[in-house]
Amino acid sequence: MNTLWLGYDGLDLPFGEIAAVLLYHPALDGRITHAYGSVPPGVRSVVVTAGGAYVPARLPAELLRRRWARWRAQGAGGQGQRGR
């Protein structure tokens, strides 16, 4: 399964679960806390899952969007490397 690493140890998501990648804004802290338990230091972007969870990411939103787009261009789950 192809996954996107979000910049924190042990935190990655299957590409197929991603619905959107947002720029981080403190207004999202409540949603992040609900999904992840806390807002970790260094959050730069937020990945919204197909299930509606808001997951923090330390990597820039543009980088995550490029990796997600590359995965989609490869046929949404074809052969490829882990999104690091």
Protein backbone atom coordinates (compact mmCIF):
# COMPACT_ATOMS: atom_id res chain seq x y z
CA MET A 1 0.00 0.00 0.00
CA ASN A 2 1.34 3.43 -0.91
CA THR A 3 1.41 5.89 1.95
CA LEU A 4 2.22 9.56 2.42
CA TRP A 5 4.55 10.36 5.31
CA LEU A 6 3.42 13.49 7.15
CA GLY A 7 6.72 14.47 8.72
CA TYR A 8 6.23 12.96 12.17
CA ASP A 9 7.55 9.56 13.27
CA GLY A 10 4.89 6.93 12.76
CA LEU A 11 2.43 9.29 11.10
CA ASP A 12 1.55 8.44 7.53
CA LEU A 13 -1.66 7.93 5.61
CA PRO A 14 -2.61 5.74 2.67
CA PHE A 15 -2.84 7.98 -0.40
CA GLY A 16 -6.32 6.65 -1.10
CA GLU A 17 -7.57 8.02 2.24
CA ILE A 18 -6.61 11.62 1.44
CA ALA A 19 -9.42 14.02 0.54
CA ALA A 20 -7.55 17.35 0.78
CA VAL A 21 -4.32 19.01 1.88
CA LEU A 22 -4.72 22.36 3.62
CA LEU A 23 -2.37 25.05 4.83
CA TYR A 24 -2.21 24.99 8.61
CA HIS A 25 -4.13 27.67 10.47
CA PRO A 26 -4.69 27.80 14.24
CA ALA A 27 -8.45 27.80 13.59
CA LEU A 28 -8.01 24.08 12.71
CA ASP A 29 -6.53 23.19 16.12
CA GLY A 30 -9.84 21.85 17.46
CA ARG A 31 -10.30 19.50 14.51
CA ILE A 32 -6.67 18.35 14.71
CA THR A 33 -6.98 17.69 18.45
CA HIS A 34 -10.19 15.74 17.90
CA ALA A 35 -8.53 13.48 15.31
CA TYR A 36 -4.96 13.25 16.63
CA GLY A 37 -5.25 14.02 20.35
CA SER A 38 -3.11 17.18 20.30
CA VAL A 39 -1.51 19.69 17.98
CA PRO A 40 2.16 18.67 17.71
CA PRO A 41 4.88 21.29 17.38
CA GLY A 42 5.89 22.41 13.92
CA VAL A 43 2.59 21.82 12.09
CA ARG A 44 2.75 23.37 8.62
CA SER A 45 -0.18 21.71 6.89
CA VAL A 46 -3.22 19.55 7.56
CA VAL A 47 -4.36 16.47 5.65
CA VAL A 48 -8.10 15.85 5.59
CA THR A 49 -9.03 12.20 5.26
CA ALA A 50 -11.95 10.69 3.37
CA GLY A 51 -13.51 10.04 6.77
CA GLY A 52 -13.30 13.71 7.75
CA ALA A 53 -10.33 13.55 10.14
CA TYR A 54 -7.92 16.50 10.18
CA VAL A 55 -4.39 15.11 10.58
CA PRO A 56 -1.37 17.34 11.25
CA ALA A 57 1.66 17.37 8.97
CA ARG A 58 5.08 18.93 9.49
CA LEU A 59 5.80 19.00 5.75
CA PRO A 60 4.70 21.96 3.58
CA ALA A 61 1.28 21.64 1.97
CA GLU A 62 2.70 22.16 -1.53
CA LEU A 63 5.12 19.24 -1.13
CA LEU A 64 2.33 16.96 0.12
CA ARG A 65 0.09 18.05 -2.75
CA ARG A 66 2.80 17.26 -5.32
CA ARG A 67 3.36 13.78 -3.87
CA TRP A 68 -0.38 13.11 -3.76
CA ALA A 69 -0.77 14.33 -7.38
CA ARG A 70 2.13 12.12 -8.51
CA TRP A 71 0.46 9.11 -6.87
CA ARG A 72 -2.84 9.91 -8.61
CA ALA A 73 -1.05 10.33 -11.95
CA GLN A 74 0.48 6.86 -11.54
CA GLY A 75 -2.97 5.33 -11.57
CA ALA A 76 -4.04 5.80 -7.96
CA GLY A 77 -2.29 2.90 -6.39
CA GLY A 78 0.00 1.58 -9.06
CA GLN A 79 3.56 0.56 -8.35
CA GLY A 80 5.69 3.15 -6.61
CA GLN A 81 7.67 4.16 -3.61
CA ARG A 82 6.46 5.25 -0.24
CA GLY A 83 5.78 9.00 -0.39
CA ARG A 84 8.87 10.26 1.42
